[in-house]
Amino acid sequence: SAFYERAGYMENLNGTEGSVSIIGAVSPQGGDFSEPVTQNTKRFVRCFWALDKSLAYARHFPAVQWLTSYSEYLDDLTPWYITHIGEDFIDCRNQILSLLTQESQLNEIVKLIGSDVLPDDQKLVLEIARVIRLGFVQQNAYHPSDTYVPLEKQLKMMQTILYLYTKAKQLIDMNMPMSVLREEDIFDKVISIKYDVANDELYKFDEYKEMIDTFYNRIMAKNA
């Protein structure tokens, strides 16, 4: 596994600059990442994509388990993301991952007692996590707008999802039931952003922010 250490940036013998990226695949029996070969490989790599067969069976592609996978390059790349993409890129990423983590924890409760007994703020977390999974994490490699998504659009998508969560959370905090929020189609509209907004039409994200504001105001007016 030490050959992974050969990857990196270098100056070639002819004076040009280049880099070598090494990607290895380990397929443990039964998907057991604790077995010796996988553990030894993880000692040398700083990035790990854990493929999940349950996601593949659910036709969720790429079938990369977002809670098990990790990258230790995040701190190294943070200055670049801030300078070239947006100051809040890493913060948005962390909030998105936090919501997915909360969803995983809540799903353990749902398996035991069902989702109906959850308080509305936790039901909202499950709904927003659904938006994240279907509208952001899941990818359709055959769709022209979803095959390759530039980082600028990814940031806009995260900002829009988190803005929806913020406005919906404000309604929940004012004792608006989650059932009322679900009567609107705003959640599904945000999921469809990846298809409805082309990669070169990022100005359309302003329209979605206006939709979310309209959703907020309409709920407030109906329940005043």
C-alpha atoms as a PDB file:
ATOM      1  CA  SER A   1       0.000   0.000   0.000  1.00  0.00           C
ATOM      2  CA  ALA A   2       2.993   2.308   0.300  1.00  0.00           C
ATOM      3  CA  PHE A   3       2.848   2.979  -3.453  1.00  0.00           C
ATOM      4  CA  TYR A   4       0.063   5.494  -2.714  1.00  0.00           C
ATOM      5  CA  GLU A   5       2.785   7.770  -1.354  1.00  0.00           C
ATOM      6  CA  ARG A   6       4.128   8.155  -4.895  1.00  0.00           C
ATOM      7  CA  ALA A   7       1.157  10.370  -5.714  1.00  0.00           C
ATOM      8  CA  GLY A   8       1.647  14.114  -5.612  1.00  0.00           C
ATOM      9  CA  TYR A   9       2.877  17.248  -7.339  1.00  0.00           C
ATOM     10  CA  MET A  10       6.356  17.211  -8.836  1.00  0.00           C
ATOM     11  CA  GLU A  11       8.771  18.823 -11.263  1.00  0.00           C
ATOM     12  CA  ASN A  12       9.658  16.527 -14.152  1.00  0.00           C
ATOM     13  CA  LEU A  13      13.183  15.912 -15.425  1.00  0.00           C
ATOM     14  CA  ASN A  14      12.552  18.171 -18.426  1.00  0.00           C
ATOM     15  CA  GLY A  15      11.600  21.066 -16.160  1.00  0.00           C
ATOM     16  CA  THR A  16       7.842  20.843 -16.661  1.00  0.00           C
ATOM     17  CA  GLU A  17       5.432  20.542 -13.749  1.00  0.00           C
ATOM     18  CA  GLY A  18       2.955  17.738 -13.261  1.00  0.00           C
ATOM     19  CA  SER A  19       1.142  15.568 -10.784  1.00  0.00           C
ATOM     20  CA  VAL A  20       0.303  11.928 -10.260  1.00  0.00           C
ATOM     21  CA  SER A  21      -3.062  10.888  -8.838  1.00  0.00           C
ATOM     22  CA  ILE A  22      -3.458   7.317  -7.645  1.00  0.00           C
ATOM     23  CA  ILE A  23      -6.886   5.788  -7.146  1.00  0.00           C
ATOM     24  CA  GLY A  24      -7.119   2.283  -5.738  1.00  0.00           C
ATOM     25  CA  ALA A  25     -10.105  -0.001  -5.258  1.00  0.00           C
ATOM     26  CA  VAL A  26     -10.468  -2.361  -2.312  1.00  0.00           C
ATOM     27  CA  SER A  27     -13.415  -4.743  -2.347  1.00  0.00           C
ATOM     28  CA  PRO A  28     -13.684  -6.477   1.041  1.00  0.00           C
ATOM     29  CA  GLN A  29     -15.953  -9.467   1.333  1.00  0.00           C
ATOM     30  CA  GLY A  30     -19.365  -8.462   2.585  1.00  0.00           C
ATOM     31  CA  GLY A  31     -18.425  -4.781   2.505  1.00  0.00           C
ATOM     32  CA  ASP A  32     -16.552  -5.117   5.800  1.00  0.00           C
ATOM     33  CA  PHE A  33     -14.246  -2.076   5.952  1.00  0.00           C
ATOM     34  CA  SER A  34     -12.710  -3.319   9.207  1.00  0.00           C
ATOM     35  CA  GLU A  35     -10.884  -6.212   7.525  1.00  0.00           C
ATOM     36  CA  PRO A  36      -7.032  -6.009   7.419  1.00  0.00           C
ATOM     37  CA  VAL A  37      -6.464  -5.098   3.738  1.00  0.00           C
ATOM     38  CA  THR A  38      -8.869  -2.161   3.862  1.00  0.00           C
ATOM     39  CA  GLN A  39      -7.521  -0.954   7.198  1.00  0.00           C
ATOM     40  CA  ASN A  40      -3.926  -1.135   5.955  1.00  0.00           C
ATOM     41  CA  THR A  41      -4.838   0.770   2.788  1.00  0.00           C
ATOM     42  CA  LYS A  42      -6.574   3.503   4.795  1.00  0.00           C
ATOM     43  CA  ARG A  43      -3.348   4.056   6.721  1.00  0.00           C
ATOM     44  CA  PHE A  44      -1.733   5.484   3.593  1.00  0.00           C
ATOM     45  CA  VAL A  45      -4.560   7.365   1.877  1.00  0.00           C
ATOM     46  CA  ARG A  46      -6.104  10.700   2.845  1.00  0.00           C
ATOM     47  CA  CYS A  47      -9.298  10.306   0.873  1.00  0.00           C
ATOM     48  CA  PHE A  48     -11.752   7.407   1.083  1.00  0.00           C
ATOM     49  CA  TRP A  49     -14.927   6.789  -0.898  1.00  0.00           C
ATOM     50  CA  ALA A  50     -17.052   4.096   0.710  1.00  0.00           C
ATOM     51  CA  LEU A  51     -19.403   2.494  -1.811  1.00  0.00           C
ATOM     52  CA  ASP A  52     -22.698   1.362  -0.307  1.00  0.00           C
ATOM     53  CA  LYS A  53     -24.590  -1.525  -1.890  1.00  0.00           C
ATOM     54  CA  SER A  54     -27.858  -0.418  -0.268  1.00  0.00           C
ATOM     55  CA  LEU A  55     -27.585   2.878  -2.165  1.00  0.00           C
ATOM     56  CA  ALA A  56     -26.842   0.978  -5.372  1.00  0.00           C
ATOM     57  CA  TYR A  57     -29.869  -1.270  -4.845  1.00  0.00           C
ATOM     58  CA  ALA A  58     -31.959   1.877  -4.324  1.00  0.00           C
ATOM     59  CA  ARG A  59     -30.584   3.188  -7.653  1.00  0.00           C
ATOM     60  CA  HIS A  60     -28.941   6.108  -5.874  1.00  0.00           C
ATOM     61  CA  PHE A  61     -25.846   6.979  -7.868  1.00  0.00           C
ATOM     62  CA  PRO A  62     -23.081   7.642  -7.206  1.00  0.00           C
ATOM     63  CA  ALA A  63     -23.472   5.027  -4.470  1.00  0.00           C
ATOM     64  CA  VAL A  64     -20.958   6.736  -2.178  1.00  0.00           C
ATOM     65  CA  GLN A  65     -21.886   6.625   1.509  1.00  0.00           C
ATOM     66  CA  TRP A  66     -21.536  10.257   2.602  1.00  0.00           C
ATOM     67  CA  LEU A  67     -21.169   9.534   6.319  1.00  0.00           C
ATOM     68  CA  THR A  68     -18.466   6.868   5.984  1.00  0.00           C
ATOM     69  CA  SER A  69     -16.458   8.562   3.238  1.00  0.00           C
ATOM     70  CA  TYR A  70     -14.000  11.302   4.096  1.00  0.00           C
ATOM     71  CA  SER A  71     -11.237  13.548   2.797  1.00  0.00           C
ATOM     72  CA  GLU A  72      -8.332  14.759   4.887  1.00  0.00           C
ATOM     73  CA  TYR A  73      -7.522  17.377   2.246  1.00  0.00           C
ATOM     74  CA  LEU A  74     -10.348  19.658   3.380  1.00  0.00           C
ATOM     75  CA  ASP A  75      -8.163  21.896   5.545  1.00  0.00           C
ATOM     76  CA  ASP A  76      -5.533  22.086   2.789  1.00  0.00           C
ATOM     77  CA  LEU A  77      -8.105  23.125   0.183  1.00  0.00           C
ATOM     78  CA  THR A  78     -10.197  25.486   2.326  1.00  0.00           C
ATOM     79  CA  PRO A  79      -8.230  28.643   1.343  1.00  0.00           C
ATOM     80  CA  TRP A  80      -8.680  27.779  -2.351  1.00  0.00           C
ATOM     81  CA  TYR A  81     -12.429  27.263  -1.986  1.00  0.00           C
ATOM     82  CA  ILE A  82     -12.785  30.556  -0.112  1.00  0.00           C
ATOM     83  CA  THR A  83     -10.753  32.492  -2.690  1.00  0.00           C
ATOM     84  CA  HIS A  84     -12.097  30.964  -5.901  1.00  0.00           C
ATOM     85  CA  ILE A  85     -15.627  29.733  -5.135  1.00  0.00           C
ATOM     86  CA  GLY A  86     -17.083  31.569  -2.151  1.00  0.00           C
ATOM     87  CA  GLU A  87     -16.349  32.485   1.437  1.00  0.00           C
ATOM     88  CA  ASP A  88     -19.208  30.339   2.720  1.00  0.00           C
ATOM     89  CA  PHE A  89     -18.502  27.235   0.607  1.00  0.00           C
ATOM     90  CA  ILE A  90     -16.961  25.214   3.456  1.00  0.00           C
ATOM     91  CA  ASP A  91     -19.566  26.435   5.951  1.00  0.00           C
ATOM     92  CA  CYS A  92     -22.385  25.362   3.611  1.00  0.00           C
ATOM     93  CA  ARG A  93     -20.686  22.009   3.108  1.00  0.00           C
ATOM     94  CA  ASN A  94     -20.456  21.490   6.868  1.00  0.00           C
ATOM     95  CA  GLN A  95     -24.120  22.397   7.409  1.00  0.00           C
ATOM     96  CA  ILE A  96     -25.220  20.009   4.654  1.00  0.00           C
ATOM     97  CA  LEU A  97     -23.177  17.175   6.164  1.00  0.00           C
ATOM     98  CA  SER A  98     -24.565  17.960   9.624  1.00  0.00           C
ATOM     99  CA  LEU A  99     -28.143  17.641   8.350  1.00  0.00           C
ATOM    100  CA  LEU A 100     -27.343  14.298   6.707  1.00  0.00           C
ATOM    101  CA  THR A 101     -25.787  13.110   9.971  1.00  0.00           C
ATOM    102  CA  GLN A 102     -28.889  14.159  11.904  1.00  0.00           C
ATOM    103  CA  GLU A 103     -31.046  12.310   9.378  1.00  0.00           C
ATOM    104  CA  SER A 104     -29.071   9.106   9.957  1.00  0.00           C
ATOM    105  CA  GLN A 105     -29.569   9.406  13.708  1.00  0.00           C
ATOM    106  CA  LEU A 106     -33.286  10.146  13.354  1.00  0.00           C
ATOM    107  CA  ASN A 107     -33.782   7.204  11.006  1.00  0.00           C
ATOM    108  CA  GLU A 108     -32.742   4.877  13.825  1.00  0.00           C
ATOM    109  CA  ILE A 109     -35.610   6.283  15.889  1.00  0.00           C
ATOM    110  CA  VAL A 110     -38.025   6.122  12.959  1.00  0.00           C
ATOM    111  CA  LYS A 111     -37.260   2.413  12.497  1.00  0.00           C
ATOM    112  CA  LEU A 112     -38.374   1.760  16.073  1.00  0.00           C
ATOM    113  CA  ILE A 113     -41.376   4.029  16.590  1.00  0.00           C
ATOM    114  CA  GLY A 114     -42.177   5.610  13.223  1.00  0.00           C
ATOM    115  CA  SER A 115     -41.876   9.207  12.046  1.00  0.00           C
ATOM    116  CA  ASP A 116     -45.321  10.376  13.207  1.00  0.00           C
ATOM    117  CA  VAL A 117     -44.179  10.743  16.814  1.00  0.00           C
ATOM    118  CA  LEU A 118     -41.231  12.994  15.961  1.00  0.00           C
ATOM    119  CA  PRO A 119     -41.506  16.699  16.789  1.00  0.00           C
ATOM    120  CA  ASP A 120     -41.946  18.978  13.789  1.00  0.00           C
ATOM    121  CA  ASP A 121     -38.401  20.345  13.887  1.00  0.00           C
ATOM    122  CA  GLN A 122     -37.055  16.805  13.466  1.00  0.00           C
ATOM    123  CA  LYS A 123     -39.573  16.064  10.712  1.00  0.00           C
ATOM    124  CA  LEU A 124     -38.205  19.143   8.954  1.00  0.00           C
ATOM    125  CA  VAL A 125     -34.665  17.784   9.228  1.00  0.00           C
ATOM    126  CA  LEU A 126     -35.806  14.561   7.539  1.00  0.00           C
ATOM    127  CA  GLU A 127     -37.518  16.513   4.764  1.00  0.00           C
ATOM    128  CA  ILE A 128     -34.540  18.786   4.113  1.00  0.00           C
ATOM    129  CA  ALA A 129     -32.213  15.776   4.168  1.00  0.00           C
ATOM    130  CA  ARG A 130     -34.428  14.216   1.493  1.00  0.00           C
ATOM    131  CA  VAL A 131     -34.005  17.378  -0.574  1.00  0.00           C
ATOM    132  CA  ILE A 132     -30.224  17.163  -0.099  1.00  0.00           C
ATOM    133  CA  ARG A 133     -30.032  13.494  -1.059  1.00  0.00           C
ATOM    134  CA  LEU A 134     -32.251  13.687  -4.137  1.00  0.00           C
ATOM    135  CA  GLY A 135     -31.505  17.214  -5.271  1.00  0.00           C
ATOM    136  CA  PHE A 136     -27.808  17.560  -4.481  1.00  0.00           C
ATOM    137  CA  VAL A 137     -26.027  14.297  -3.673  1.00  0.00           C
ATOM    138  CA  GLN A 138     -27.746  12.048  -6.212  1.00  0.00           C
ATOM    139  CA  GLN A 139     -26.474  12.467  -9.773  1.00  0.00           C
ATOM    140  CA  ASN A 140     -27.849  11.565 -13.184  1.00  0.00           C
ATOM    141  CA  ALA A 141     -24.848  11.005 -15.431  1.00  0.00           C
ATOM    142  CA  TYR A 142     -27.095  10.959 -18.511  1.00  0.00           C
ATOM    143  CA  HIS A 143     -28.564  14.439 -17.977  1.00  0.00           C
ATOM    144  CA  PRO A 144     -26.699  17.318 -19.682  1.00  0.00           C
ATOM    145  CA  SER A 145     -26.974  19.595 -16.642  1.00  0.00           C
ATOM    146  CA  ASP A 146     -26.161  16.931 -14.066  1.00  0.00           C
ATOM    147  CA  THR A 147     -23.310  15.017 -15.702  1.00  0.00           C
ATOM    148  CA  TYR A 148     -20.865  17.701 -14.651  1.00  0.00           C
ATOM    149  CA  VAL A 149     -21.813  20.397 -12.147  1.00  0.00           C
ATOM    150  CA  PRO A 150     -19.344  23.272 -11.630  1.00  0.00           C
ATOM    151  CA  LEU A 151     -18.462  24.212  -8.071  1.00  0.00           C
ATOM    152  CA  GLU A 152     -20.135  27.604  -8.508  1.00  0.00           C
ATOM    153  CA  LYS A 153     -23.475  25.910  -9.141  1.00  0.00           C
ATOM    154  CA  GLN A 154     -22.893  23.474  -6.284  1.00  0.00           C
ATOM    155  CA  LEU A 155     -22.471  26.423  -3.928  1.00  0.00           C
ATOM    156  CA  LYS A 156     -25.684  28.031  -5.208  1.00  0.00           C
ATOM    157  CA  MET A 157     -27.531  24.749  -4.716  1.00  0.00           C
ATOM    158  CA  MET A 158     -26.296  24.401  -1.138  1.00  0.00           C
ATOM    159  CA  GLN A 159     -27.164  28.027  -0.368  1.00  0.00           C
ATOM    160  CA  THR A 160     -30.688  27.562  -1.737  1.00  0.00           C
ATOM    161  CA  ILE A 161     -31.314  24.358   0.220  1.00  0.00           C
ATOM    162  CA  LEU A 162     -30.044  25.924   3.438  1.00  0.00           C
ATOM    163  CA  TYR A 163     -32.107  29.069   2.828  1.00  0.00           C
ATOM    164  CA  LEU A 164     -35.195  26.870   2.485  1.00  0.00           C
ATOM    165  CA  TYR A 165     -34.271  25.125   5.731  1.00  0.00           C
ATOM    166  CA  THR A 166     -33.808  28.460   7.517  1.00  0.00           C
ATOM    167  CA  LYS A 167     -37.178  29.857   6.397  1.00  0.00           C
ATOM    168  CA  ALA A 168     -38.997  26.588   7.093  1.00  0.00           C
ATOM    169  CA  LYS A 169     -37.363  26.366  10.533  1.00  0.00           C
ATOM    170  CA  GLN A 170     -38.637  29.854  11.315  1.00  0.00           C
ATOM    171  CA  LEU A 171     -42.164  28.685  10.513  1.00  0.00           C
ATOM    172  CA  ILE A 172     -41.738  25.568  12.662  1.00  0.00           C
ATOM    173  CA  ASP A 173     -40.470  27.736  15.533  1.00  0.00           C
ATOM    174  CA  MET A 174     -43.724  29.717  15.246  1.00  0.00           C
ATOM    175  CA  ASN A 175     -45.654  26.465  15.812  1.00  0.00           C
ATOM    176  CA  MET A 176     -46.566  25.910  12.178  1.00  0.00           C
ATOM    177  CA  PRO A 177     -47.014  22.126  11.763  1.00  0.00           C
ATOM    178  CA  MET A 178     -44.882  20.276   9.251  1.00  0.00           C
ATOM    179  CA  SER A 179     -48.053  18.965   7.615  1.00  0.00           C
ATOM    180  CA  VAL A 180     -48.900  22.526   6.549  1.00  0.00           C
ATOM    181  CA  LEU A 181     -45.446  23.068   5.072  1.00  0.00           C
ATOM    182  CA  ARG A 182     -45.729  19.837   3.094  1.00  0.00           C
ATOM    183  CA  GLU A 183     -48.905  21.099   1.418  1.00  0.00           C
ATOM    184  CA  GLU A 184     -46.647  23.337  -0.663  1.00  0.00           C
ATOM    185  CA  ASP A 185     -44.521  21.952  -3.505  1.00  0.00           C
ATOM    186  CA  ILE A 186     -41.470  24.074  -2.677  1.00  0.00           C
ATOM    187  CA  PHE A 187     -39.436  21.082  -1.470  1.00  0.00           C
ATOM    188  CA  ASP A 188     -39.862  19.226  -4.770  1.00  0.00           C
ATOM    189  CA  LYS A 189     -39.131  22.402  -6.730  1.00  0.00           C
ATOM    190  CA  VAL A 190     -35.797  22.769  -4.955  1.00  0.00           C
ATOM    191  CA  ILE A 191     -35.007  19.108  -5.662  1.00  0.00           C
ATOM    192  CA  SER A 192     -35.506  19.744  -9.382  1.00  0.00           C
ATOM    193  CA  ILE A 193     -33.040  22.663  -9.446  1.00  0.00           C
ATOM    194  CA  LYS A 194     -30.249  20.428 -10.722  1.00  0.00           C
ATOM    195  CA  TYR A 195     -32.284  19.791 -13.878  1.00  0.00           C
ATOM    196  CA  ASP A 196     -34.139  23.087 -14.251  1.00  0.00           C
ATOM    197  CA  VAL A 197     -31.151  25.421 -13.850  1.00  0.00           C
ATOM    198  CA  ALA A 198     -28.496  24.994 -16.524  1.00  0.00           C
ATOM    199  CA  ASN A 199     -24.865  25.275 -15.507  1.00  0.00           C
ATOM    200  CA  ASP A 200     -24.547  28.610 -17.340  1.00  0.00           C
ATOM    201  CA  GLU A 201     -27.780  30.099 -15.961  1.00  0.00           C
ATOM    202  CA  LEU A 202     -26.882  30.619 -12.314  1.00  0.00           C
ATOM    203  CA  TYR A 203     -28.854  33.888 -12.230  1.00  0.00           C
ATOM    204  CA  LYS A 204     -32.001  31.732 -12.019  1.00  0.00           C
ATOM    205  CA  PHE A 205     -31.162  30.865  -8.419  1.00  0.00           C
ATOM    206  CA  ASP A 206     -32.502  34.295  -7.465  1.00  0.00           C
ATOM    207  CA  GLU A 207     -35.906  33.132  -8.700  1.00  0.00           C
ATOM    208  CA  TYR A 208     -35.803  30.180  -6.318  1.00  0.00           C
ATOM    209  CA  LYS A 209     -34.990  32.446  -3.406  1.00  0.00           C
ATOM    210  CA  GLU A 210     -38.048  34.501  -4.330  1.00  0.00           C
ATOM    211  CA  MET A 211     -40.109  31.271  -4.479  1.00  0.00           C
ATOM    212  CA  ILE A 212     -38.982  30.396  -0.962  1.00  0.00           C
ATOM    213  CA  ASP A 213     -39.880  33.879   0.287  1.00  0.00           C
ATOM    214  CA  THR A 214     -43.298  33.554  -1.373  1.00  0.00           C
ATOM    215  CA  PHE A 215     -43.748  30.147   0.269  1.00  0.00           C
ATOM    216  CA  TYR A 216     -42.875  31.668   3.663  1.00  0.00           C
ATOM    217  CA  ASN A 217     -45.245  34.617   3.227  1.00  0.00           C
ATOM    218  CA  ARG A 218     -48.091  32.423   1.975  1.00  0.00           C
ATOM    219  CA  ILE A 219     -47.851  30.096   4.979  1.00  0.00           C
ATOM    220  CA  MET A 220     -47.786  33.096   7.295  1.00  0.00           C
ATOM    221  CA  ALA A 221     -50.854  34.615   5.626  1.00  0.00           C
ATOM    222  CA  LYS A 222     -52.841  31.360   5.676  1.00  0.00           C
ATOM    223  CA  ASN A 223     -52.165  30.789   9.373  1.00  0.00           C
ATOM    224  CA  ALA A 224     -52.309  34.367  10.645  1.00  0.00           C
END
